[in-house]
Amino acid sequence: TSAMRIYGSSRSETVATIIDGGSWDRVFDVRPGGSLTLGYLDVSNGAPPAGQTGGGIRVDFAVLFADETSVWGSGTYGGGTGGGVGVLNGSTVQFINSAIWGNVASGAGGGLFSASAADSITFQATTVALNTSATSAGGLAANGELYVTTSTIAFNGAPSVGNIELSSVDPASSMG
């Protein structure tokens, strides 16, 4: 596998570049060893088969860097986790000046779900909002490292833990 970069039009343009999954499957699947950089994009309407992780984007033992990118309107069903983004097997994910919003998961992590204690998630100047989960962690469920700076994680919903659920994480070292 190799590195891939996808850039849309600048946010200063009047029309956004949208990559729409049409609710047929997830929009991006970053496979083991892969690296994906997204910039100035809207990623929307991803919906993988029932029970899977990552409605909009799945990152599996790989790297994702997103700048000025929104992941919205995606979902996982049949017990699937990570309605917007699913992170697996020691992946590294970084969102800068971005948003994860309006996603839904039937399992944990309406906005983002990190499955592995070896995962590393970073949010810088990013908003995670208006996501929902049918079980827990409407905003995000993090099992690995979580770094948050100058970001907003709010207005997410779930029957248990609305915004952030941390597991296998030392919260004192994870929030900056």
C-alpha atoms as a PDB file:
ATOM      1  CA  THR A   1       0.000   0.000   0.000  1.00  0.00           C
ATOM      2  CA  SER A   2       1.023   3.593  -0.444  1.00  0.00           C
ATOM      3  CA  ALA A   3       0.094   7.084   0.628  1.00  0.00           C
ATOM      4  CA  MET A   4      -2.851   8.805  -1.019  1.00  0.00           C
ATOM      5  CA  ARG A   5      -3.796  12.483  -0.863  1.00  0.00           C
ATOM      6  CA  ILE A   6      -7.180  13.890  -1.846  1.00  0.00           C
ATOM      7  CA  TYR A   7      -7.839  17.635  -1.813  1.00  0.00           C
ATOM      8  CA  GLY A   8     -11.008  19.509  -2.661  1.00  0.00           C
ATOM      9  CA  SER A   9     -11.602  23.179  -3.288  1.00  0.00           C
ATOM     10  CA  SER A  10     -10.587  25.637  -0.579  1.00  0.00           C
ATOM     11  CA  ARG A  11     -13.175  26.519   2.079  1.00  0.00           C
ATOM     12  CA  SER A  12     -12.923  30.082   0.778  1.00  0.00           C
ATOM     13  CA  GLU A  13     -14.627  28.878  -2.411  1.00  0.00           C
ATOM     14  CA  THR A  14     -18.423  29.069  -2.549  1.00  0.00           C
ATOM     15  CA  VAL A  15     -18.939  25.373  -3.349  1.00  0.00           C
ATOM     16  CA  ALA A  16     -17.615  22.543  -1.162  1.00  0.00           C
ATOM     17  CA  THR A  17     -16.144  19.367  -2.604  1.00  0.00           C
ATOM     18  CA  ILE A  18     -18.348  16.499  -1.419  1.00  0.00           C
ATOM     19  CA  ILE A  19     -17.534  12.802  -1.619  1.00  0.00           C
ATOM     20  CA  ASP A  20     -20.872  11.067  -1.076  1.00  0.00           C
ATOM     21  CA  GLY A  21     -21.152   7.342  -0.356  1.00  0.00           C
ATOM     22  CA  GLY A  22     -24.791   7.274  -1.429  1.00  0.00           C
ATOM     23  CA  SER A  23     -25.504   5.036   1.611  1.00  0.00           C
ATOM     24  CA  TRP A  24     -24.130   2.045  -0.342  1.00  0.00           C
ATOM     25  CA  ASP A  25     -21.005   1.473   1.752  1.00  0.00           C
ATOM     26  CA  ARG A  26     -18.445   3.473   3.731  1.00  0.00           C
ATOM     27  CA  VAL A  27     -16.806   6.298   1.800  1.00  0.00           C
ATOM     28  CA  PHE A  28     -13.127   5.567   2.620  1.00  0.00           C
ATOM     29  CA  ASP A  29     -11.514   2.337   3.830  1.00  0.00           C
ATOM     30  CA  VAL A  30      -7.863   2.910   4.803  1.00  0.00           C
ATOM     31  CA  ARG A  31      -6.384  -0.596   4.809  1.00  0.00           C
ATOM     32  CA  PRO A  32      -3.444  -1.995   6.840  1.00  0.00           C
ATOM     33  CA  GLY A  33      -0.231  -0.132   6.074  1.00  0.00           C
ATOM     34  CA  GLY A  34      -2.073   2.600   4.166  1.00  0.00           C
ATOM     35  CA  SER A  35      -1.999   6.352   4.638  1.00  0.00           C
ATOM     36  CA  LEU A  36      -4.724   8.794   3.583  1.00  0.00           C
ATOM     37  CA  THR A  37      -4.587  12.598   3.702  1.00  0.00           C
ATOM     38  CA  LEU A  38      -7.829  14.519   3.149  1.00  0.00           C
ATOM     39  CA  GLY A  39      -8.097  18.280   2.747  1.00  0.00           C
ATOM     40  CA  TYR A  40     -10.979  20.663   2.089  1.00  0.00           C
ATOM     41  CA  LEU A  41     -13.543  17.862   1.731  1.00  0.00           C
ATOM     42  CA  ASP A  42     -16.994  16.873   2.940  1.00  0.00           C
ATOM     43  CA  VAL A  43     -17.285  13.091   3.405  1.00  0.00           C
ATOM     44  CA  SER A  44     -20.933  12.071   3.689  1.00  0.00           C
ATOM     45  CA  ASN A  45     -23.577   9.342   3.513  1.00  0.00           C
ATOM     46  CA  GLY A  46     -21.411   6.320   4.237  1.00  0.00           C
ATOM     47  CA  ALA A  47     -23.188   3.165   5.416  1.00  0.00           C
ATOM     48  CA  PRO A  48     -21.226  -0.130   5.513  1.00  0.00           C
ATOM     49  CA  PRO A  49     -22.874  -3.561   5.867  1.00  0.00           C
ATOM     50  CA  ALA A  50     -24.528  -4.307   9.228  1.00  0.00           C
ATOM     51  CA  GLY A  51     -22.263  -4.844  12.208  1.00  0.00           C
ATOM     52  CA  GLN A  52     -19.175  -3.161  10.751  1.00  0.00           C
ATOM     53  CA  THR A  53     -17.098  -0.251  12.062  1.00  0.00           C
ATOM     54  CA  GLY A  54     -16.679   3.145  10.389  1.00  0.00           C
ATOM     55  CA  GLY A  55     -19.668   4.537   8.510  1.00  0.00           C
ATOM     56  CA  GLY A  56     -17.871   7.382   6.737  1.00  0.00           C
ATOM     57  CA  ILE A  57     -14.253   6.291   7.146  1.00  0.00           C
ATOM     58  CA  ARG A  58     -12.626   3.122   8.506  1.00  0.00           C
ATOM     59  CA  VAL A  59      -8.909   3.238   9.427  1.00  0.00           C
ATOM     60  CA  ASP A  60      -7.471  -0.234  10.057  1.00  0.00           C
ATOM     61  CA  PHE A  61      -3.791  -0.421  11.155  1.00  0.00           C
ATOM     62  CA  ALA A  62      -3.223   2.684   9.049  1.00  0.00           C
ATOM     63  CA  VAL A  63      -2.889   6.489   9.154  1.00  0.00           C
ATOM     64  CA  LEU A  64      -5.510   9.179   8.464  1.00  0.00           C
ATOM     65  CA  PHE A  65      -4.772  12.912   8.414  1.00  0.00           C
ATOM     66  CA  ALA A  66      -7.752  15.218   7.811  1.00  0.00           C
ATOM     67  CA  ASP A  67      -7.458  19.009   7.509  1.00  0.00           C
ATOM     68  CA  GLU A  68     -10.480  21.251   6.880  1.00  0.00           C
ATOM     69  CA  THR A  69     -12.570  18.124   6.362  1.00  0.00           C
ATOM     70  CA  SER A  70     -16.092  17.297   7.571  1.00  0.00           C
ATOM     71  CA  VAL A  71     -17.420  13.781   8.107  1.00  0.00           C
ATOM     72  CA  TRP A  72     -21.203  13.958   8.334  1.00  0.00           C
ATOM     73  CA  GLY A  73     -24.468  12.111   7.672  1.00  0.00           C
ATOM     74  CA  SER A  74     -22.927   8.621   7.850  1.00  0.00           C
ATOM     75  CA  GLY A  75     -23.957   5.675   9.992  1.00  0.00           C
ATOM     76  CA  THR A  76     -23.408   2.108  11.124  1.00  0.00           C
ATOM     77  CA  TYR A  77     -26.236  -0.327  11.711  1.00  0.00           C
ATOM     78  CA  GLY A  78     -26.857  -3.820  13.093  1.00  0.00           C
ATOM     79  CA  GLY A  79     -24.536  -3.208  16.067  1.00  0.00           C
ATOM     80  CA  GLY A  80     -21.883  -1.363  14.040  1.00  0.00           C
ATOM     81  CA  THR A  81     -19.641   1.163  15.796  1.00  0.00           C
ATOM     82  CA  GLY A  82     -18.149   4.492  14.756  1.00  0.00           C
ATOM     83  CA  GLY A  83     -20.948   6.084  12.735  1.00  0.00           C
ATOM     84  CA  GLY A  84     -18.618   8.741  11.337  1.00  0.00           C
ATOM     85  CA  VAL A  85     -15.152   7.226  11.787  1.00  0.00           C
ATOM     86  CA  GLY A  86     -14.003   3.774  12.932  1.00  0.00           C
ATOM     87  CA  VAL A  87     -10.409   3.310  14.099  1.00  0.00           C
ATOM     88  CA  LEU A  88      -8.892  -0.157  14.521  1.00  0.00           C
ATOM     89  CA  ASN A  89      -5.686  -2.067  15.315  1.00  0.00           C
ATOM     90  CA  GLY A  90      -3.197   0.596  16.326  1.00  0.00           C
ATOM     91  CA  SER A  91      -4.109   3.271  13.804  1.00  0.00           C
ATOM     92  CA  THR A  92      -3.167   6.949  13.984  1.00  0.00           C
ATOM     93  CA  VAL A  93      -5.876   9.505  13.200  1.00  0.00           C
ATOM     94  CA  GLN A  94      -5.536  13.292  13.233  1.00  0.00           C
ATOM     95  CA  PHE A  95      -8.271  15.862  12.562  1.00  0.00           C
ATOM     96  CA  ILE A  96      -7.257  19.547  12.300  1.00  0.00           C
ATOM     97  CA  ASN A  97      -9.708  22.414  11.620  1.00  0.00           C
ATOM     98  CA  SER A  98     -12.344  19.793  10.887  1.00  0.00           C
ATOM     99  CA  ALA A  99     -15.750  18.505  12.020  1.00  0.00           C
ATOM    100  CA  ILE A 100     -17.394  15.163  12.702  1.00  0.00           C
ATOM    101  CA  TRP A 101     -21.092  15.834  12.968  1.00  0.00           C
ATOM    102  CA  GLY A 102     -24.560  14.400  12.388  1.00  0.00           C
ATOM    103  CA  ASN A 103     -23.495  10.723  12.290  1.00  0.00           C
ATOM    104  CA  VAL A 104     -25.248   7.777  13.930  1.00  0.00           C
ATOM    105  CA  ALA A 105     -24.112   4.386  15.255  1.00  0.00           C
ATOM    106  CA  SER A 106     -26.224   1.482  16.455  1.00  0.00           C
ATOM    107  CA  GLY A 107     -23.218   0.480  18.617  1.00  0.00           C
ATOM    108  CA  ALA A 108     -20.822   2.786  20.480  1.00  0.00           C
ATOM    109  CA  GLY A 109     -19.263   5.960  19.119  1.00  0.00           C
ATOM    110  CA  GLY A 110     -21.741   7.929  17.039  1.00  0.00           C
ATOM    111  CA  GLY A 111     -19.009  10.288  15.818  1.00  0.00           C
ATOM    112  CA  LEU A 112     -15.870   8.169  16.241  1.00  0.00           C
ATOM    113  CA  PHE A 113     -15.047   4.761  17.698  1.00  0.00           C
ATOM    114  CA  SER A 114     -11.483   3.690  18.537  1.00  0.00           C
ATOM    115  CA  ALA A 115     -11.275  -0.058  19.200  1.00  0.00           C
ATOM    116  CA  SER A 116      -7.658  -0.618  20.206  1.00  0.00           C
ATOM    117  CA  ALA A 117      -5.553   0.566  23.164  1.00  0.00           C
ATOM    118  CA  ALA A 118      -2.809   1.070  20.543  1.00  0.00           C
ATOM    119  CA  ASP A 119      -4.871   3.664  18.586  1.00  0.00           C
ATOM    120  CA  SER A 120      -3.870   7.343  18.682  1.00  0.00           C
ATOM    121  CA  ILE A 121      -6.528  10.002  18.059  1.00  0.00           C
ATOM    122  CA  THR A 122      -5.816  13.752  17.850  1.00  0.00           C
ATOM    123  CA  PHE A 123      -8.325  16.595  17.528  1.00  0.00           C
ATOM    124  CA  GLN A 124      -6.998  20.123  17.041  1.00  0.00           C
ATOM    125  CA  ALA A 125      -9.449  22.973  16.403  1.00  0.00           C
ATOM    126  CA  THR A 126     -12.064  20.356  15.540  1.00  0.00           C
ATOM    127  CA  THR A 127     -15.753  20.016  16.406  1.00  0.00           C
ATOM    128  CA  VAL A 128     -17.447  16.714  17.253  1.00  0.00           C
ATOM    129  CA  ALA A 129     -21.151  17.464  17.601  1.00  0.00           C
ATOM    130  CA  LEU A 130     -24.722  16.307  16.941  1.00  0.00           C
ATOM    131  CA  ASN A 131     -23.742  12.640  16.655  1.00  0.00           C
ATOM    132  CA  THR A 132     -25.824   9.877  18.244  1.00  0.00           C
ATOM    133  CA  SER A 133     -25.353   6.323  19.406  1.00  0.00           C
ATOM    134  CA  ALA A 134     -28.039   3.801  20.300  1.00  0.00           C
ATOM    135  CA  THR A 135     -25.835   2.474  23.130  1.00  0.00           C
ATOM    136  CA  SER A 136     -23.051   4.737  24.452  1.00  0.00           C
ATOM    137  CA  ALA A 137     -20.608   7.497  23.543  1.00  0.00           C
ATOM    138  CA  GLY A 138     -22.683   9.655  21.228  1.00  0.00           C
ATOM    139  CA  GLY A 139     -19.606  11.767  20.423  1.00  0.00           C
ATOM    140  CA  LEU A 140     -16.663   9.405  20.644  1.00  0.00           C
ATOM    141  CA  ALA A 141     -15.460   6.235  22.303  1.00  0.00           C
ATOM    142  CA  ALA A 142     -11.669   6.110  22.701  1.00  0.00           C
ATOM    143  CA  ASN A 143      -9.777   3.017  23.787  1.00  0.00           C
ATOM    144  CA  GLY A 144      -6.290   4.325  22.958  1.00  0.00           C
ATOM    145  CA  GLU A 145      -4.546   7.681  23.251  1.00  0.00           C
ATOM    146  CA  LEU A 146      -6.747  10.741  22.875  1.00  0.00           C
ATOM    147  CA  TYR A 147      -5.337  14.262  22.442  1.00  0.00           C
ATOM    148  CA  VAL A 148      -7.736  17.201  22.280  1.00  0.00           C
ATOM    149  CA  THR A 149      -6.693  20.860  21.905  1.00  0.00           C
ATOM    150  CA  THR A 150      -8.851  23.922  21.170  1.00  0.00           C
ATOM    151  CA  SER A 151     -11.711  21.676  20.076  1.00  0.00           C
ATOM    152  CA  THR A 152     -15.397  21.316  20.905  1.00  0.00           C
ATOM    153  CA  ILE A 153     -17.023  17.984  21.742  1.00  0.00           C
ATOM    154  CA  ALA A 154     -20.630  18.750  22.619  1.00  0.00           C
ATOM    155  CA  PHE A 155     -24.319  18.159  21.884  1.00  0.00           C
ATOM    156  CA  ASN A 156     -23.870  14.452  21.146  1.00  0.00           C
ATOM    157  CA  GLY A 157     -26.411  11.941  22.413  1.00  0.00           C
ATOM    158  CA  ALA A 158     -26.627   8.364  23.682  1.00  0.00           C
ATOM    159  CA  PRO A 159     -28.508   6.498  26.432  1.00  0.00           C
ATOM    160  CA  SER A 160     -25.179   6.091  28.267  1.00  0.00           C
ATOM    161  CA  VAL A 161     -22.343   8.682  28.054  1.00  0.00           C
ATOM    162  CA  GLY A 162     -23.388  11.432  25.643  1.00  0.00           C
ATOM    163  CA  ASN A 163     -20.077  12.972  24.573  1.00  0.00           C
ATOM    164  CA  ILE A 164     -16.845  11.070  25.410  1.00  0.00           C
ATOM    165  CA  GLU A 165     -16.286   7.552  26.735  1.00  0.00           C
ATOM    166  CA  LEU A 166     -12.690   6.682  27.623  1.00  0.00           C
ATOM    167  CA  SER A 167     -11.458   3.115  28.122  1.00  0.00           C
ATOM    168  CA  SER A 168      -7.857   1.974  28.593  1.00  0.00           C
ATOM    169  CA  VAL A 169      -6.876   5.654  28.584  1.00  0.00           C
ATOM    170  CA  ASP A 170      -5.220   7.772  31.256  1.00  0.00           C
ATOM    171  CA  PRO A 171      -7.484  10.869  31.092  1.00  0.00           C
ATOM    172  CA  ALA A 172      -4.902  13.025  32.891  1.00  0.00           C
ATOM    173  CA  SER A 173      -2.399  12.527  30.069  1.00  0.00           C
ATOM    174  CA  SER A 174      -4.912  12.571  27.229  1.00  0.00           C
ATOM    175  CA  MET A 175      -6.582  15.957  27.462  1.00  0.00           C
ATOM    176  CA  GLY A 176      -4.462  18.993  26.677  1.00  0.00           C
END
